[in-house]
Each structure stands twice: as C-alpha cells, then as structure tokens.
C-alpha cells in the first residue's frame, strides 16, 4: 500500500472532512468516521451484494479493534487514522473481489493493485475533481 499512499491521502482527506464544515473540517482532516466512510462508498456506488452496509460496519470495527490491540492504547474507536484507512481499503477490495472472482492462482496483492489502479483511485479522483468544480456535495 505504500506505493499508493500518495494517491490515497487526498481521498482520505477529502472524505475526512465530509461531516464538518468550516474550521471544524480543518481540525478533523486526520480521521475518518463511519458516517464519512459510508458516504464515500455510497457516492462511488461501491456498495453491493459483496460489500453491504453491514460488512462495511464490520470492517470498520475490526480495523479499529485490531489497531487498538496492537498499539495498546485508548484509541478513538469511532475514527480511522490514515494507516487504518489503508487497512479498510484492503478489506473493501477483498469484499468487492472475493476469492471466487479472482484470477485462478493469483495472489491477492495483484488483485488489490489492479482494483486500486483501475477502479478505486480513478473513481475518487473524478469525484473529488467534480466537487472542486461545484458538482456534487462536499459534505454529508
């Protein structure tokens, strides 16, 4: 995922501010909550039979809980920092492209790279560009 951080960071920041306006938005650009994640996925039409609202909630919770256990701290479970967001993106790809739909014998890392390059990153770059031009909502 390190290779894609430069392209994923602006996506994270754009949606981390989705439920805030003005000065509040600038103060919360370092975390993404579940409502913002759901808004992001709905806006990109990524929810389907493989990636349901329930599955997104489970992914969100699992990443937060595992990060808290690793770091051993009292992390805010209602928010994702950028590193956790990257983990969520990986799990979303796994849900969107289940093993049965992957090329035979292909390692998941190649599926992930292709999905990021062809679907995820271009979709969000377009959505963010449209928002900058005044097309679409910047907030929830």
C-alpha atoms as a PDB file:
ATOM      1  CA  UNK A   1       0.000   0.000   0.000  1.00  0.00           C
ATOM      2  CA  UNK A   2       2.992   2.301   0.449  1.00  0.00           C
ATOM      3  CA  UNK A   3       3.114   2.704  -3.332  1.00  0.00           C
ATOM      4  CA  UNK A   4      -0.438   4.104  -3.362  1.00  0.00           C
ATOM      5  CA  UNK A   5      -0.251   6.356  -0.286  1.00  0.00           C
ATOM      6  CA  UNK A   6       0.382   9.498  -2.337  1.00  0.00           C
ATOM      7  CA  UNK A   7      -2.811   8.906  -4.343  1.00  0.00           C
ATOM      8  CA  UNK A   8      -4.912   7.700  -1.413  1.00  0.00           C
ATOM      9  CA  UNK A   9      -4.041  10.528   1.005  1.00  0.00           C
ATOM     10  CA  UNK A  10      -6.081  13.211  -0.844  1.00  0.00           C
ATOM     11  CA  UNK A  11      -9.042  10.814  -0.978  1.00  0.00           C
ATOM     12  CA  UNK A  12      -8.796  10.242   2.769  1.00  0.00           C
ATOM     13  CA  UNK A  13      -8.565  13.978   3.483  1.00  0.00           C
ATOM     14  CA  UNK A  14     -11.468  14.862   1.200  1.00  0.00           C
ATOM     15  CA  UNK A  15     -13.815  12.433   2.921  1.00  0.00           C
ATOM     16  CA  UNK A  16     -12.441  13.002   6.441  1.00  0.00           C
ATOM     17  CA  UNK A  17     -13.971  16.479   6.231  1.00  0.00           C
ATOM     18  CA  UNK A  18     -17.299  15.315   4.812  1.00  0.00           C
ATOM     19  CA  UNK A  19     -19.340  15.640   8.001  1.00  0.00           C
ATOM     20  CA  UNK A  20     -17.897  19.002   9.033  1.00  0.00           C
ATOM     21  CA  UNK A  21     -17.807  22.482   7.613  1.00  0.00           C
ATOM     22  CA  UNK A  22     -15.503  25.463   8.072  1.00  0.00           C
ATOM     23  CA  UNK A  23     -12.916  25.364  10.854  1.00  0.00           C
ATOM     24  CA  UNK A  24     -14.275  22.075  12.214  1.00  0.00           C
ATOM     25  CA  UNK A  25     -13.430  20.357   8.933  1.00  0.00           C
ATOM     26  CA  UNK A  26      -9.826  21.532   9.047  1.00  0.00           C
ATOM     27  CA  UNK A  27      -9.484  20.223  12.599  1.00  0.00           C
ATOM     28  CA  UNK A  28     -10.711  16.715  11.671  1.00  0.00           C
ATOM     29  CA  UNK A  29      -8.786  16.056   8.462  1.00  0.00           C
ATOM     30  CA  UNK A  30      -6.703  13.477  10.294  1.00  0.00           C
ATOM     31  CA  UNK A  31      -9.521  10.969  10.885  1.00  0.00           C
ATOM     32  CA  UNK A  32     -12.463   9.389   9.099  1.00  0.00           C
ATOM     33  CA  UNK A  33     -15.564   8.199  10.930  1.00  0.00           C
ATOM     34  CA  UNK A  34     -18.031   5.511   9.885  1.00  0.00           C
ATOM     35  CA  UNK A  35     -20.563   8.025   8.529  1.00  0.00           C
ATOM     36  CA  UNK A  36     -17.890   9.583   6.315  1.00  0.00           C
ATOM     37  CA  UNK A  37     -16.750   6.157   5.121  1.00  0.00           C
ATOM     38  CA  UNK A  38     -20.322   5.171   4.256  1.00  0.00           C
ATOM     39  CA  UNK A  39     -20.860   8.479   2.429  1.00  0.00           C
ATOM     40  CA  UNK A  40     -17.660   7.869   0.480  1.00  0.00           C
ATOM     41  CA  UNK A  41     -18.626   4.333  -0.537  1.00  0.00           C
ATOM     42  CA  UNK A  42     -22.205   5.292  -1.440  1.00  0.00           C
ATOM     43  CA  UNK A  43     -21.040   8.236  -3.516  1.00  0.00           C
ATOM     44  CA  UNK A  44     -18.756   5.919  -5.517  1.00  0.00           C
ATOM     45  CA  UNK A  45     -21.505   3.277  -5.851  1.00  0.00           C
ATOM     46  CA  UNK A  46     -19.288   0.661  -4.219  1.00  0.00           C
ATOM     47  CA  UNK A  47     -21.995  -0.925  -2.067  1.00  0.00           C
ATOM     48  CA  UNK A  48     -23.463  -4.111  -3.496  1.00  0.00           C
ATOM     49  CA  UNK A  49     -24.174  -7.732  -2.542  1.00  0.00           C
ATOM     50  CA  UNK A  50     -20.469  -8.312  -1.771  1.00  0.00           C
ATOM     51  CA  UNK A  51     -19.919  -5.049   0.117  1.00  0.00           C
ATOM     52  CA  UNK A  52     -23.004  -4.366   2.196  1.00  0.00           C
ATOM     53  CA  UNK A  53     -23.591  -1.682   4.812  1.00  0.00           C
ATOM     54  CA  UNK A  54     -23.278  -4.383   7.461  1.00  0.00           C
ATOM     55  CA  UNK A  55     -19.985  -5.631   6.022  1.00  0.00           C
ATOM     56  CA  UNK A  56     -18.573  -2.088   5.968  1.00  0.00           C
ATOM     57  CA  UNK A  57     -19.519  -1.665   9.635  1.00  0.00           C
ATOM     58  CA  UNK A  58     -17.804  -4.944  10.482  1.00  0.00           C
ATOM     59  CA  UNK A  59     -14.662  -3.974   8.552  1.00  0.00           C
ATOM     60  CA  UNK A  60     -14.583  -0.566  10.252  1.00  0.00           C
ATOM     61  CA  UNK A  61     -14.901  -2.122  13.715  1.00  0.00           C
ATOM     62  CA  UNK A  62     -12.368  -4.899  13.066  1.00  0.00           C
ATOM     63  CA  UNK A  63      -9.711  -2.446  11.909  1.00  0.00           C
ATOM     64  CA  UNK A  64     -10.270  -0.169  14.895  1.00  0.00           C
ATOM     65  CA  UNK A  65     -10.196  -3.023  17.401  1.00  0.00           C
ATOM     66  CA  UNK A  66      -7.069  -4.601  15.890  1.00  0.00           C
ATOM     67  CA  UNK A  67      -5.280  -1.235  15.853  1.00  0.00           C
ATOM     68  CA  UNK A  68      -6.177  -0.620  19.472  1.00  0.00           C
ATOM     69  CA  UNK A  69      -4.864  -4.065  20.454  1.00  0.00           C
ATOM     70  CA  UNK A  70      -1.583  -3.565  18.554  1.00  0.00           C
ATOM     71  CA  UNK A  71      -0.991  -0.068  19.896  1.00  0.00           C
ATOM     72  CA  UNK A  72      -2.285  -0.925  23.368  1.00  0.00           C
ATOM     73  CA  UNK A  73      -3.879   2.466  23.800  1.00  0.00           C
ATOM     74  CA  UNK A  74      -7.241   4.047  24.275  1.00  0.00           C
ATOM     75  CA  UNK A  75      -7.765   4.897  20.634  1.00  0.00           C
ATOM     76  CA  UNK A  76     -10.951   6.556  19.476  1.00  0.00           C
ATOM     77  CA  UNK A  77     -12.885   3.609  18.019  1.00  0.00           C
ATOM     78  CA  UNK A  78     -15.251   5.870  16.122  1.00  0.00           C
ATOM     79  CA  UNK A  79     -12.473   7.242  13.893  1.00  0.00           C
ATOM     80  CA  UNK A  80      -9.919   5.894  11.420  1.00  0.00           C
ATOM     81  CA  UNK A  81      -6.496   7.452  11.009  1.00  0.00           C
ATOM     82  CA  UNK A  82      -4.812   7.202   7.605  1.00  0.00           C
ATOM     83  CA  UNK A  83      -2.984   3.908   8.306  1.00  0.00           C
ATOM     84  CA  UNK A  84      -6.265   2.346   9.416  1.00  0.00           C
ATOM     85  CA  UNK A  85      -7.989   3.743   6.333  1.00  0.00           C
ATOM     86  CA  UNK A  86      -5.431   1.880   4.202  1.00  0.00           C
ATOM     87  CA  UNK A  87      -6.321  -1.343   6.015  1.00  0.00           C
ATOM     88  CA  UNK A  88     -10.019  -0.676   5.407  1.00  0.00           C
ATOM     89  CA  UNK A  89      -9.373  -0.128   1.683  1.00  0.00           C
ATOM     90  CA  UNK A  90      -7.604  -3.504   1.503  1.00  0.00           C
ATOM     91  CA  UNK A  91     -10.521  -5.225   3.233  1.00  0.00           C
ATOM     92  CA  UNK A  92     -13.005  -3.459   0.969  1.00  0.00           C
ATOM     93  CA  UNK A  93     -11.149  -4.789  -2.058  1.00  0.00           C
ATOM     94  CA  UNK A  94     -11.231  -8.277  -0.542  1.00  0.00           C
ATOM     95  CA  UNK A  95     -15.003  -7.957  -0.153  1.00  0.00           C
ATOM     96  CA  UNK A  96     -15.563  -6.450  -3.618  1.00  0.00           C
ATOM     97  CA  UNK A  97     -13.405  -9.056  -5.359  1.00  0.00           C
ATOM     98  CA  UNK A  98     -13.924 -12.283  -3.389  1.00  0.00           C
ATOM     99  CA  UNK A  99     -11.580 -15.243  -3.988  1.00  0.00           C
ATOM    100  CA  UNK A 100     -14.085 -16.896  -6.322  1.00  0.00           C
ATOM    101  CA  UNK A 101     -13.939 -13.856  -8.637  1.00  0.00           C
ATOM    102  CA  UNK A 102     -10.146 -13.543  -8.722  1.00  0.00           C
ATOM    103  CA  UNK A 103      -7.930 -14.907 -11.434  1.00  0.00           C
ATOM    104  CA  UNK A 104      -7.021 -18.501 -10.703  1.00  0.00           C
ATOM    105  CA  UNK A 105      -3.939 -18.771  -8.518  1.00  0.00           C
ATOM    106  CA  UNK A 106      -3.320 -15.029  -8.475  1.00  0.00           C
ATOM    107  CA  UNK A 107      -2.005 -13.581  -5.236  1.00  0.00           C
ATOM    108  CA  UNK A 108      -4.322 -11.065  -3.581  1.00  0.00           C
ATOM    109  CA  UNK A 109      -1.710  -8.303  -3.835  1.00  0.00           C
ATOM    110  CA  UNK A 110      -2.068  -8.296  -7.635  1.00  0.00           C
ATOM    111  CA  UNK A 111      -5.858  -8.172  -7.399  1.00  0.00           C
ATOM    112  CA  UNK A 112      -5.547  -5.272  -4.964  1.00  0.00           C
ATOM    113  CA  UNK A 113      -3.139  -3.337  -7.192  1.00  0.00           C
ATOM    114  CA  UNK A 114      -5.342  -3.765 -10.249  1.00  0.00           C
ATOM    115  CA  UNK A 115      -8.503  -2.778  -8.340  1.00  0.00           C
ATOM    116  CA  UNK A 116      -6.839   0.336  -6.920  1.00  0.00           C
ATOM    117  CA  UNK A 117      -5.430   1.421 -10.292  1.00  0.00           C
ATOM    118  CA  UNK A 118      -8.477   0.669 -12.435  1.00  0.00           C
ATOM    119  CA  UNK A 119     -11.431   1.260 -10.137  1.00  0.00           C
ATOM    120  CA  UNK A 120     -10.868   2.820  -6.714  1.00  0.00           C
ATOM    121  CA  UNK A 121      -8.370   5.631  -7.301  1.00  0.00           C
ATOM    122  CA  UNK A 122      -9.772   6.844 -10.656  1.00  0.00           C
ATOM    123  CA  UNK A 123     -13.322   6.867  -9.292  1.00  0.00           C
ATOM    124  CA  UNK A 124     -12.415   9.002  -6.307  1.00  0.00           C
ATOM    125  CA  UNK A 125     -10.138  11.318  -8.278  1.00  0.00           C
ATOM    126  CA  UNK A 126     -13.081  12.033 -10.575  1.00  0.00           C
ATOM    127  CA  UNK A 127     -15.484  12.566  -7.670  1.00  0.00           C
ATOM    128  CA  UNK A 128     -13.085  14.928  -5.904  1.00  0.00           C
ATOM    129  CA  UNK A 129     -12.428  16.850  -9.123  1.00  0.00           C
ATOM    130  CA  UNK A 130     -16.183  17.171  -9.700  1.00  0.00           C
ATOM    131  CA  UNK A 131     -16.643  18.506  -6.147  1.00  0.00           C
ATOM    132  CA  UNK A 132     -13.917  21.090  -6.760  1.00  0.00           C
ATOM    133  CA  UNK A 133     -15.850  22.245  -9.835  1.00  0.00           C
ATOM    134  CA  UNK A 134     -19.028  22.540  -7.772  1.00  0.00           C
ATOM    135  CA  UNK A 135     -20.614  19.297  -8.947  1.00  0.00           C
ATOM    136  CA  UNK A 136     -21.842  17.226  -6.067  1.00  0.00           C
ATOM    137  CA  UNK A 137     -21.848  17.769  -2.342  1.00  0.00           C
ATOM    138  CA  UNK A 138     -18.675  18.146  -0.287  1.00  0.00           C
ATOM    139  CA  UNK A 139     -20.426  17.273   2.956  1.00  0.00           C
ATOM    140  CA  UNK A 140     -22.811  14.603   4.209  1.00  0.00           C
END
